[in-house]
């Protein structure tokens, strides 16, 4: 059941962040009318929403078993609905699934590209926000809880902007290398410039919001001792993966992109995306572990 819980968290988190980051990327990274032949962005958003939907439902099934202690309840509609309707966690997941259905409908029905990206960005922003109400940030009372929740929201949104843009960038890089077309290489170059233009602000918010979250989940008094806990070791792994991704992003911006090294960019972006998935796996695992501040 533990592996199902972690896997379900990974599926829904990855799907939601890609939905947010990729839809925003279509607005700031590739402005202008989309080519009718370029249907991959729509398919990417549709696949992301479906993946997040599946992950959310599997998560509720796994939590139902944990709540009741009976493995059979995971497939019992009455028990699953009880979790959906009677717990704050379940209601947040129900809202998330409703929003994901709306995102799927938009991808299937909307034909105007710019309106599509705007609607998906707004829907995905709320979808990602629902994770803050099913995480550690929702457990703190009073104004500290509001600060923690705010830090969670900023961390999730900026993570989506960064991680969610890596897949469309990777697709553009693979396409540019495969075709060797000057137009495709120019599109990749423009997208990288625009993505790099917001990179500094995204990293700054990620670091600051991460510090706020760590303050609440670990605490200064527990900092040294937490390194020997499963939570602390997983948090250090997450930090190491983040630093590796940051190094690749700097390499892309300072060396590979200015020289239009398409092969190097493809390898670097794909590696960064792979590290991002490992980072989300670490985040999914962190959500199942008690933080040091909980005692």
Foldseek 3Di string as FASTA:
>chain_A
DVVLQLVLLLQQLLLLLLLQQLLVLCPQQPDDFDDPVPLVSLVSNLVSLVSNLVSLLSNLLVVLCVVVVDNVLSPPVVSSVCCLPPDQLNVLSVVLNVLSVVLNCLSVPPDGSNVSSVSSNVSSLSSLLSVLCLFPLVVDDDPLSVLLSVLSSLLSNLLSNPLSVLVVLLVLLVVCVVVVDPVSLVSSLSSLVSSVVCVVVSVVSNVVSVVSNCCQQQNPVRLVVCCPPPLNVLVVVLVVLVVVLVVLSCCVVPPCSVVSVSVSSNVSSVVSNVSSSVSSSSVSVNRVDRGNNVD
